[in-house]
């Protein structure tokens, strides 16, 4: 399994999301962006999953800094599962449409 980090960003911090996805190192990783509502989570935040190399993940942590929350423990694992389940559901739906 690839290393990953999950960040919870306040809804109004679109500039922060921009910094993450535009960073030269981080942008080459696998990035998934969801909002908490679509994942059935409380609050109004943007969830950012980054899967990739350790240097890129460290860089993403630096970029987020104090402006966002880095998920840990059970919350991190549960959120990862929700995002992967969501991706699987989308892939399944496309398979039914184009299969």
PDB file of N, CA and C in Angstrom:
ATOM      1  N   UNK A   1       0.844  -1.191   0.000  1.00  0.00           N
ATOM      2  CA  UNK A   1       0.000   0.000   0.000  1.00  0.00           C
ATOM      3  C   UNK A   1       0.883   1.246   0.000  1.00  0.00           C
ATOM      4  N   UNK A   2       0.475   2.217  -0.760  1.00  0.00           N
ATOM      5  CA  UNK A   2       1.212   3.470  -0.866  1.00  0.00           C
ATOM      6  C   UNK A   2       1.014   4.301   0.406  1.00  0.00           C
ATOM      7  N   UNK A   3       2.017   5.101   0.753  1.00  0.00           N
ATOM      8  CA  UNK A   3       1.864   6.025   1.870  1.00  0.00           C
ATOM      9  C   UNK A   3       0.865   7.098   1.490  1.00  0.00           C
ATOM     10  N   UNK A   4       0.189   7.635   2.503  1.00  0.00           N
ATOM     11  CA  UNK A   4      -0.794   8.683   2.221  1.00  0.00           C
ATOM     12  C   UNK A   4      -0.961   9.605   3.419  1.00  0.00           C
ATOM     13  N   UNK A   5      -1.481  10.793   3.133  1.00  0.00           N
ATOM     14  CA  UNK A   5      -1.894  11.756   4.144  1.00  0.00           C
ATOM     15  C   UNK A   5      -3.273  12.251   3.744  1.00  0.00           C
ATOM     16  N   UNK A   6      -4.070  12.587   4.759  1.00  0.00           N
ATOM     17  CA  UNK A   6      -5.387  13.158   4.507  1.00  0.00           C
ATOM     18  C   UNK A   6      -5.486  14.454   5.287  1.00  0.00           C
ATOM     19  N   UNK A   7      -5.918  15.499   4.582  1.00  0.00           N
ATOM     20  CA  UNK A   7      -6.039  16.813   5.186  1.00  0.00           C
ATOM     21  C   UNK A   7      -7.492  17.254   5.180  1.00  0.00           C
ATOM     22  N   UNK A   8      -7.880  17.944   6.236  1.00  0.00           N
ATOM     23  CA  UNK A   8      -9.216  18.548   6.312  1.00  0.00           C
ATOM     24  C   UNK A   8      -8.997  20.059   6.264  1.00  0.00           C
ATOM     25  N   UNK A   9      -9.493  20.683   5.198  1.00  0.00           N
ATOM     26  CA  UNK A   9      -9.293  22.111   5.002  1.00  0.00           C
ATOM     27  C   UNK A   9     -10.612  22.849   5.202  1.00  0.00           C
ATOM     28  N   UNK A  10     -10.578  24.004   5.847  1.00  0.00           N
ATOM     29  CA  UNK A  10     -11.803  24.801   5.970  1.00  0.00           C
ATOM     30  C   UNK A  10     -12.333  25.154   4.582  1.00  0.00           C
ATOM     31  N   UNK A  11     -13.648  25.185   4.428  1.00  0.00           N
ATOM     32  CA  UNK A  11     -14.282  25.428   3.126  1.00  0.00           C
ATOM     33  C   UNK A  11     -13.753  26.677   2.429  1.00  0.00           C
ATOM     34  N   UNK A  12     -13.488  27.743   3.165  1.00  0.00           N
ATOM     35  CA  UNK A  12     -13.086  28.994   2.552  1.00  0.00           C
ATOM     36  C   UNK A  12     -11.610  29.069   2.163  1.00  0.00           C
ATOM     37  N   UNK A  13     -10.892  27.970   2.234  1.00  0.00           N
ATOM     38  CA  UNK A  13      -9.445  27.988   1.989  1.00  0.00           C
ATOM     39  C   UNK A  13      -9.092  27.425   0.612  1.00  0.00           C
ATOM     40  N   UNK A  14      -9.771  27.887  -0.429  1.00  0.00           N
ATOM     41  CA  UNK A  14      -9.500  27.366  -1.770  1.00  0.00           C
ATOM     42  C   UNK A  14      -8.086  27.723  -2.229  1.00  0.00           C
ATOM     43  N   UNK A  15      -7.533  28.829  -1.722  1.00  0.00           N
ATOM     44  CA  UNK A  15      -6.161  29.197  -2.076  1.00  0.00           C
ATOM     45  C   UNK A  15      -5.175  28.152  -1.543  1.00  0.00           C
ATOM     46  N   UNK A  16      -5.474  27.610  -0.373  1.00  0.00           N
ATOM     47  CA  UNK A  16      -4.625  26.572   0.213  1.00  0.00           C
ATOM     48  C   UNK A  16      -4.676  25.307  -0.640  1.00  0.00           C
ATOM     49  N   UNK A  17      -5.859  24.931  -1.092  1.00  0.00           N
ATOM     50  CA  UNK A  17      -5.992  23.774  -1.979  1.00  0.00           C
ATOM     51  C   UNK A  17      -5.207  24.020  -3.259  1.00  0.00           C
ATOM     52  N   UNK A  18      -5.270  25.227  -3.775  1.00  0.00           N
ATOM     53  CA  UNK A  18      -4.514  25.593  -4.970  1.00  0.00           C
ATOM     54  C   UNK A  18      -3.019  25.413  -4.773  1.00  0.00           C
ATOM     55  N   UNK A  19      -2.517  25.841  -3.604  1.00  0.00           N
ATOM     56  CA  UNK A  19      -1.086  25.683  -3.310  1.00  0.00           C
ATOM     57  C   UNK A  19      -0.687  24.214  -3.311  1.00  0.00           C
ATOM     58  N   UNK A  20      -1.561  23.371  -2.772  1.00  0.00           N
ATOM     59  CA  UNK A  20      -1.263  21.939  -2.691  1.00  0.00           C
ATOM     60  C   UNK A  20      -1.176  21.335  -4.093  1.00  0.00           C
ATOM     61  N   UNK A  21      -2.213  21.559  -4.910  1.00  0.00           N
ATOM     62  CA  UNK A  21      -2.258  20.903  -6.219  1.00  0.00           C
ATOM     63  C   UNK A  21      -1.328  21.532  -7.248  1.00  0.00           C
ATOM     64  N   UNK A  22      -0.842  22.747  -6.970  1.00  0.00           N
ATOM     65  CA  UNK A  22       0.069  23.394  -7.911  1.00  0.00           C
ATOM     66  C   UNK A  22       1.538  23.197  -7.555  1.00  0.00           C
ATOM     67  N   UNK A  23       1.806  22.647  -6.371  1.00  0.00           N
ATOM     68  CA  UNK A  23       3.195  22.405  -5.988  1.00  0.00           C
ATOM     69  C   UNK A  23       3.804  21.371  -6.934  1.00  0.00           C
ATOM     70  N   UNK A  24       5.017  21.631  -7.411  1.00  0.00           N
ATOM     71  CA  UNK A  24       5.657  20.775  -8.405  1.00  0.00           C
ATOM     72  C   UNK A  24       5.781  19.323  -7.934  1.00  0.00           C
ATOM     73  N   UNK A  25       6.189  19.120  -6.703  1.00  0.00           N
ATOM     74  CA  UNK A  25       6.392  17.753  -6.182  1.00  0.00           C
ATOM     75  C   UNK A  25       5.062  17.083  -5.839  1.00  0.00           C
ATOM     76  N   UNK A  26       4.213  17.799  -5.124  1.00  0.00           N
ATOM     77  CA  UNK A  26       2.941  17.228  -4.670  1.00  0.00           C
ATOM     78  C   UNK A  26       2.011  16.921  -5.844  1.00  0.00           C
ATOM     79  N   UNK A  27       2.021  17.782  -6.858  1.00  0.00           N
ATOM     80  CA  UNK A  27       1.092  17.616  -7.981  1.00  0.00           C
ATOM     81  C   UNK A  27       1.333  16.332  -8.768  1.00  0.00           C
ATOM     82  N   UNK A  28       2.504  15.733  -8.618  1.00  0.00           N
ATOM     83  CA  UNK A  28       2.792  14.478  -9.334  1.00  0.00           C
ATOM     84  C   UNK A  28       2.296  13.236  -8.588  1.00  0.00           C
ATOM     85  N   UNK A  29       1.660  13.441  -7.443  1.00  0.00           N
ATOM     86  CA  UNK A  29       1.144  12.327  -6.651  1.00  0.00           C
ATOM     87  C   UNK A  29      -0.323  12.099  -7.009  1.00  0.00           C
ATOM     88  N   UNK A  30      -0.913  11.069  -6.442  1.00  0.00           N
ATOM     89  CA  UNK A  30      -2.340  10.814  -6.622  1.00  0.00           C
ATOM     90  C   UNK A  30      -3.096  11.658  -5.606  1.00  0.00           C
ATOM     91  N   UNK A  31      -3.981  12.516  -6.104  1.00  0.00           N
ATOM     92  CA  UNK A  31      -4.716  13.437  -5.232  1.00  0.00           C
ATOM     93  C   UNK A  31      -6.208  13.244  -5.456  1.00  0.00           C
ATOM     94  N   UNK A  32      -6.940  13.093  -4.352  1.00  0.00           N
ATOM     95  CA  UNK A  32      -8.402  13.013  -4.412  1.00  0.00           C
ATOM     96  C   UNK A  32      -8.959  14.118  -3.528  1.00  0.00           C
ATOM     97  N   UNK A  33      -9.932  14.859  -4.042  1.00  0.00           N
ATOM     98  CA  UNK A  33     -10.543  15.955  -3.294  1.00  0.00           C
ATOM     99  C   UNK A  33     -12.038  15.679  -3.179  1.00  0.00           C
ATOM    100  N   UNK A  34     -12.540  15.731  -1.954  1.00  0.00           N
ATOM    101  CA  UNK A  34     -13.971  15.525  -1.693  1.00  0.00           C
ATOM    102  C   UNK A  34     -14.411  16.549  -0.663  1.00  0.00           C
ATOM    103  N   UNK A  35     -15.730  16.739  -0.551  1.00  0.00           N
ATOM    104  CA  UNK A  35     -16.180  17.546   0.580  1.00  0.00           C
ATOM    105  C   UNK A  35     -16.764  16.605   1.629  1.00  0.00           C
ATOM    106  N   UNK A  36     -16.787  17.080   2.873  1.00  0.00           N
ATOM    107  CA  UNK A  36     -17.218  16.212   3.971  1.00  0.00           C
ATOM    108  C   UNK A  36     -18.648  15.731   3.775  1.00  0.00           C
ATOM    109  N   UNK A  37     -19.508  16.574   3.205  1.00  0.00           N
ATOM    110  CA  UNK A  37     -20.912  16.203   3.009  1.00  0.00           C
ATOM    111  C   UNK A  37     -21.024  14.983   2.089  1.00  0.00           C
ATOM    112  N   UNK A  38     -20.254  14.963   1.000  1.00  0.00           N
ATOM    113  CA  UNK A  38     -20.339  13.848   0.046  1.00  0.00           C
ATOM    114  C   UNK A  38     -19.839  12.538   0.657  1.00  0.00           C
ATOM    115  N   UNK A  39     -19.024  12.644   1.707  1.00  0.00           N
ATOM    116  CA  UNK A  39     -18.502  11.442   2.375  1.00  0.00           C
ATOM    117  C   UNK A  39     -19.325  11.076   3.610  1.00  0.00           C
ATOM    118  N   UNK A  40     -20.405  11.829   3.852  1.00  0.00           N
ATOM    119  CA  UNK A  40     -21.252  11.543   5.003  1.00  0.00           C
ATOM    120  C   UNK A  40     -20.607  11.944   6.322  1.00  0.00           C
ATOM    121  N   UNK A  41     -19.729  12.930   6.273  1.00  0.00           N
ATOM    122  CA  UNK A  41     -19.038  13.393   7.478  1.00  0.00           C
ATOM    123  C   UNK A  41     -19.642  14.720   7.928  1.00  0.00           C
ATOM    124  N   UNK A  42     -19.421  15.059   9.196  1.00  0.00           N
ATOM    125  CA  UNK A  42     -19.968  16.295   9.743  1.00  0.00           C
ATOM    126  C   UNK A  42     -19.109  17.497   9.367  1.00  0.00           C
ATOM    127  N   UNK A  43     -19.735  18.659   9.369  1.00  0.00           N
ATOM    128  CA  UNK A  43     -19.013  19.896   9.111  1.00  0.00           C
ATOM    129  C   UNK A  43     -18.919  20.202   7.627  1.00  0.00           C
ATOM    130  N   UNK A  44     -18.424  21.389   7.347  1.00  0.00           N
ATOM    131  CA  UNK A  44     -18.251  21.809   5.950  1.00  0.00           C
ATOM    132  C   UNK A  44     -16.772  22.042   5.702  1.00  0.00           C
ATOM    133  N   UNK A  45     -16.110  20.990   5.278  1.00  0.00           N
ATOM    134  CA  UNK A  45     -14.680  21.043   5.004  1.00  0.00           C
ATOM    135  C   UNK A  45     -14.397  20.396   3.659  1.00  0.00           C
ATOM    136  N   UNK A  46     -13.219  20.662   3.155  1.00  0.00           N
ATOM    137  CA  UNK A  46     -12.724  19.977   1.971  1.00  0.00           C
ATOM    138  C   UNK A  46     -11.721  18.936   2.452  1.00  0.00           C
ATOM    139  N   UNK A  47     -11.894  17.702   2.002  1.00  0.00           N
ATOM    140  CA  UNK A  47     -10.990  16.612   2.358  1.00  0.00           C
ATOM    141  C   UNK A  47     -10.050  16.376   1.181  1.00  0.00           C
ATOM    142  N   UNK A  48      -8.752  16.327   1.470  1.00  0.00           N
ATOM    143  CA  UNK A  48      -7.760  16.109   0.425  1.00  0.00           C
ATOM    144  C   UNK A  48      -6.930  14.880   0.798  1.00  0.00           C
ATOM    145  N   UNK A  49      -6.997  13.854  -0.045  1.00  0.00           N
ATOM    146  CA  UNK A  49      -6.193  12.637   0.116  1.00  0.00           C
ATOM    147  C   UNK A  49      -5.037  12.724  -0.872  1.00  0.00           C
ATOM    148  N   UNK A  50      -3.831  12.560  -0.359  1.00  0.00           N
ATOM    149  CA  UNK A  50      -2.653  12.532  -1.223  1.00  0.00           C
ATOM    150  C   UNK A  50      -1.932  11.215  -0.978  1.00  0.00           C
ATOM    151  N   UNK A  51      -1.782  10.430  -2.046  1.00  0.00           N
ATOM    152  CA  UNK A  51      -1.052   9.165  -1.979  1.00  0.00           C
ATOM    153  C   UNK A  51       0.220   9.323  -2.792  1.00  0.00           C
ATOM    154  N   UNK A  52       1.361   8.960  -2.200  1.00  0.00           N
ATOM    155  CA  UNK A  52       2.593   9.092  -2.963  1.00  0.00           C
ATOM    156  C   UNK A  52       3.835   8.922  -2.138  1.00  0.00           C
ATOM    157  N   UNK A  53       4.893   9.559  -2.613  1.00  0.00           N
ATOM    158  CA  UNK A  53       6.211   9.396  -1.998  1.00  0.00           C
ATOM    159  C   UNK A  53       6.301  10.166  -0.687  1.00  0.00           C
ATOM    160  N   UNK A  54       7.180   9.695   0.180  1.00  0.00           N
ATOM    161  CA  UNK A  54       7.366  10.340   1.471  1.00  0.00           C
ATOM    162  C   UNK A  54       7.788  11.810   1.341  1.00  0.00           C
ATOM    163  N   UNK A  55       8.735  12.142   0.438  1.00  0.00           N
ATOM    164  CA  UNK A  55       9.099  13.558   0.296  1.00  0.00           C
ATOM    165  C   UNK A  55       7.912  14.434  -0.123  1.00  0.00           C
ATOM    166  N   UNK A  56       7.064  13.922  -0.996  1.00  0.00           N
ATOM    167  CA  UNK A  56       5.898  14.693  -1.450  1.00  0.00           C
ATOM    168  C   UNK A  56       4.892  14.874  -0.321  1.00  0.00           C
ATOM    169  N   UNK A  57       4.707  13.835   0.484  1.00  0.00           N
ATOM    170  CA  UNK A  57       3.772  13.933   1.604  1.00  0.00           C
ATOM    171  C   UNK A  57       4.286  14.932   2.640  1.00  0.00           C
ATOM    172  N   UNK A  58       5.589  14.907   2.896  1.00  0.00           N
ATOM    173  CA  UNK A  58       6.175  15.883   3.828  1.00  0.00           C
ATOM    174  C   UNK A  58       5.975  17.303   3.301  1.00  0.00           C
ATOM    175  N   UNK A  59       6.137  17.484   2.007  1.00  0.00           N
ATOM    176  CA  UNK A  59       5.947  18.796   1.390  1.00  0.00           C
ATOM    177  C   UNK A  59       4.493  19.240   1.544  1.00  0.00           C
ATOM    178  N   UNK A  60       3.554  18.327   1.346  1.00  0.00           N
ATOM    179  CA  UNK A  60       2.134  18.656   1.496  1.00  0.00           C
ATOM    180  C   UNK A  60       1.832  19.089   2.933  1.00  0.00           C
ATOM    181  N   UNK A  61       2.415  18.394   3.902  1.00  0.00           N
ATOM    182  CA  UNK A  61       2.234  18.748   5.315  1.00  0.00           C
ATOM    183  C   UNK A  61       2.761  20.171   5.557  1.00  0.00           C
ATOM    184  N   UNK A  62       3.913  20.485   4.971  1.00  0.00           N
ATOM    185  CA  UNK A  62       4.484  21.836   5.103  1.00  0.00           C
ATOM    186  C   UNK A  62       3.543  22.884   4.524  1.00  0.00           C
ATOM    187  N   UNK A  63       2.977  22.591   3.364  1.00  0.00           N
ATOM    188  CA  UNK A  63       2.082  23.550   2.703  1.00  0.00           C
ATOM    189  C   UNK A  63       0.830  23.793   3.549  1.00  0.00           C
ATOM    190  N   UNK A  64       0.238  22.725   4.064  1.00  0.00           N
ATOM    191  CA  UNK A  64      -0.994  22.852   4.845  1.00  0.00           C
ATOM    192  C   UNK A  64      -0.723  23.600   6.146  1.00  0.00           C
ATOM    193  N   UNK A  65       0.418  23.287   6.783  1.00  0.00           N
ATOM    194  CA  UNK A  65       0.815  23.992   7.996  1.00  0.00           C
ATOM    195  C   UNK A  65      -0.281  24.084   9.031  1.00  0.00           C
ATOM    196  N   UNK A  66      -0.494  25.281   9.522  1.00  0.00           N
ATOM    197  CA  UNK A  66      -1.490  25.520  10.577  1.00  0.00           C
ATOM    198  C   UNK A  66      -2.881  25.804  10.008  1.00  0.00           C
ATOM    199  N   UNK A  67      -2.971  25.909   8.686  1.00  0.00           N
ATOM    200  CA  UNK A  67      -4.246  26.307   8.077  1.00  0.00           C
ATOM    201  C   UNK A  67      -5.245  25.163   7.945  1.00  0.00           C
ATOM    202  N   UNK A  68      -4.767  23.936   8.024  1.00  0.00           N
ATOM    203  CA  UNK A  68      -5.646  22.784   7.884  1.00  0.00           C
ATOM    204  C   UNK A  68      -5.359  21.779   8.975  1.00  0.00           C
ATOM    205  N   UNK A  69      -6.096  20.697   8.959  1.00  0.00           N
ATOM    206  CA  UNK A  69      -5.946  19.630   9.957  1.00  0.00           C
ATOM    207  C   UNK A  69      -5.422  18.390   9.242  1.00  0.00           C
ATOM    208  N   UNK A  70      -4.411  17.775   9.810  1.00  0.00           N
ATOM    209  CA  UNK A  70      -3.887  16.512   9.284  1.00  0.00           C
ATOM    210  C   UNK A  70      -4.581  15.397  10.058  1.00  0.00           C
ATOM    211  N   UNK A  71      -5.333  14.566   9.350  1.00  0.00           N
ATOM    212  CA  UNK A  71      -6.061  13.493  10.032  1.00  0.00           C
ATOM    213  C   UNK A  71      -5.092  12.410  10.489  1.00  0.00           C
ATOM    214  N   UNK A  72      -5.433  11.808  11.631  1.00  0.00           N
ATOM    215  CA  UNK A  72      -4.595  10.750  12.195  1.00  0.00           C
ATOM    216  C   UNK A  72      -5.472   9.639  12.751  1.00  0.00           C
ATOM    217  N   UNK A  73      -4.850   8.496  13.008  1.00  0.00           N
ATOM    218  CA  UNK A  73      -5.514   7.388  13.692  1.00  0.00           C
ATOM    219  C   UNK A  73      -6.748   6.876  12.978  1.00  0.00           C
ATOM    220  N   UNK A  74      -7.791   6.599  13.791  1.00  0.00           N
ATOM    221  CA  UNK A  74      -9.031   6.027  13.253  1.00  0.00           C
ATOM    222  C   UNK A  74      -9.717   6.957  12.264  1.00  0.00           C
ATOM    223  N   UNK A  75      -9.687   8.263  12.550  1.00  0.00           N
ATOM    224  CA  UNK A  75     -10.337   9.214  11.645  1.00  0.00           C
ATOM    225  C   UNK A  75      -9.666   9.166  10.269  1.00  0.00           C
ATOM    226  N   UNK A  76      -8.346   9.058  10.254  1.00  0.00           N
ATOM    227  CA  UNK A  76      -7.602   8.973   8.989  1.00  0.00           C
ATOM    228  C   UNK A  76      -7.970   7.691   8.249  1.00  0.00           C
ATOM    229  N   UNK A  77      -7.961   6.561   8.948  1.00  0.00           N
ATOM    230  CA  UNK A  77      -8.272   5.266   8.329  1.00  0.00           C
ATOM    231  C   UNK A  77      -9.721   5.223   7.832  1.00  0.00           C
ATOM    232  N   UNK A  78     -10.659   5.732   8.631  1.00  0.00           N
ATOM    233  CA  UNK A  78     -12.073   5.730   8.244  1.00  0.00           C
ATOM    234  C   UNK A  78     -12.319   6.622   7.018  1.00  0.00           C
ATOM    235  N   UNK A  79     -11.671   7.784   6.998  1.00  0.00           N
ATOM    236  CA  UNK A  79     -11.834   8.707   5.879  1.00  0.00           C
ATOM    237  C   UNK A  79     -11.239   8.108   4.611  1.00  0.00           C
ATOM    238  N   UNK A  80     -10.090   7.456   4.733  1.00  0.00           N
ATOM    239  CA  UNK A  80      -9.458   6.795   3.583  1.00  0.00           C
ATOM    240  C   UNK A  80     -10.410   5.758   2.988  1.00  0.00           C
ATOM    241  N   UNK A  81     -11.025   4.963   3.857  1.00  0.00           N
ATOM    242  CA  UNK A  81     -11.964   3.932   3.397  1.00  0.00           C
ATOM    243  C   UNK A  81     -13.164   4.566   2.692  1.00  0.00           C
ATOM    244  N   UNK A  82     -13.688   5.653   3.245  1.00  0.00           N
ATOM    245  CA  UNK A  82     -14.838   6.332   2.616  1.00  0.00           C
ATOM    246  C   UNK A  82     -14.476   6.837   1.221  1.00  0.00           C
ATOM    247  N   UNK A  83     -13.290   7.414   1.086  1.00  0.00           N
ATOM    248  CA  UNK A  83     -12.869   7.930  -0.224  1.00  0.00           C
ATOM    249  C   UNK A  83     -12.706   6.777  -1.214  1.00  0.00           C
ATOM    250  N   UNK A  84     -12.081   5.683  -0.786  1.00  0.00           N
ATOM    251  CA  UNK A  84     -11.871   4.532  -1.677  1.00  0.00           C
ATOM    252  C   UNK A  84     -13.200   3.887  -2.052  1.00  0.00           C
ATOM    253  N   UNK A  85     -14.127   3.786  -1.100  1.00  0.00           N
ATOM    254  CA  UNK A  85     -15.463   3.252  -1.400  1.00  0.00           C
ATOM    255  C   UNK A  85     -16.174   4.143  -2.416  1.00  0.00           C
ATOM    256  N   UNK A  86     -16.035   5.456  -2.243  1.00  0.00           N
ATOM    257  CA  UNK A  86     -16.639   6.413  -3.166  1.00  0.00           C
ATOM    258  C   UNK A  86     -16.057   6.232  -4.570  1.00  0.00           C
ATOM    259  N   UNK A  87     -14.735   6.072  -4.664  1.00  0.00           N
ATOM    260  CA  UNK A  87     -14.088   5.853  -5.962  1.00  0.00           C
ATOM    261  C   UNK A  87     -14.566   4.550  -6.600  1.00  0.00           C
ATOM    262  N   UNK A  88     -14.706   3.500  -5.789  1.00  0.00           N
ATOM    263  CA  UNK A  88     -15.186   2.215  -6.305  1.00  0.00           C
ATOM    264  C   UNK A  88     -16.612   2.340  -6.834  1.00  0.00           C
ATOM    265  N   UNK A  89     -17.461   3.087  -6.115  1.00  0.00           N
ATOM    266  CA  UNK A  89     -18.850   3.276  -6.548  1.00  0.00           C
ATOM    267  C   UNK A  89     -18.910   4.031  -7.871  1.00  0.00           C
ATOM    268  N   UNK A  90     -18.060   5.024  -8.031  1.00  0.00           N
ATOM    269  CA  UNK A  90     -18.016   5.783  -9.278  1.00  0.00           C
ATOM    270  C   UNK A  90     -17.560   4.870 -10.419  1.00  0.00           C
ATOM    271  N   UNK A  91     -16.516   4.085 -10.173  1.00  0.00           N
ATOM    272  CA  UNK A  91     -16.002   3.174 -11.203  1.00  0.00           C
ATOM    273  C   UNK A  91     -17.065   2.147 -11.590  1.00  0.00           C
ATOM    274  N   UNK A  92     -17.792   1.635 -10.585  1.00  0.00           N
ATOM    275  CA  UNK A  92     -18.854   0.666 -10.845  1.00  0.00           C
ATOM    276  C   UNK A  92     -19.948   1.289 -11.713  1.00  0.00           C
ATOM    277  N   UNK A  93     -20.334   2.519 -11.372  1.00  0.00           N
ATOM    278  CA  UNK A  93     -21.373   3.211 -12.136  1.00  0.00           C
ATOM    279  C   UNK A  93     -20.954   3.435 -13.573  1.00  0.00           C
ATOM    280  N   UNK A  94     -19.692   3.810 -13.788  1.00  0.00           N
ATOM    281  CA  UNK A  94     -19.204   3.991 -15.149  1.00  0.00           C
ATOM    282  C   UNK A  94     -19.175   2.667 -15.900  1.00  0.00           C
ATOM    283  N   UNK A  95     -18.843   1.591 -15.183  1.00  0.00           N
ATOM    284  CA  UNK A  95     -18.824   0.263 -15.798  1.00  0.00           C
ATOM    285  C   UNK A  95     -20.218  -0.127 -16.275  1.00  0.00           C
ATOM    286  N   UNK A  96     -21.226   0.193 -15.475  1.00  0.00           N
ATOM    287  CA  UNK A  96     -22.606  -0.127 -15.871  1.00  0.00           C
ATOM    288  C   UNK A  96     -23.035   0.726 -17.073  1.00  0.00           C
ATOM    289  N   UNK A  97     -22.580   1.995 -17.109  1.00  0.00           N
ATOM    290  CA  UNK A  97     -22.961   2.872 -18.208  1.00  0.00           C
ATOM    291  C   UNK A  97     -22.283   2.485 -19.510  1.00  0.00           C
ATOM    292  N   UNK A  98     -20.992   2.130 -19.419  1.00  0.00           N
ATOM    293  CA  UNK A  98     -20.228   1.866 -20.638  1.00  0.00           C
ATOM    294  C   UNK A  98     -19.904   0.394 -20.850  1.00  0.00           C
ATOM    295  N   UNK A  99     -20.298  -0.445 -19.866  1.00  0.00           N
ATOM    296  CA  UNK A  99     -19.964  -1.865 -19.924  1.00  0.00           C
ATOM    297  C   UNK A  99     -20.707  -2.537 -20.988  1.00  0.00           C
TER     298      UNK A  99
END
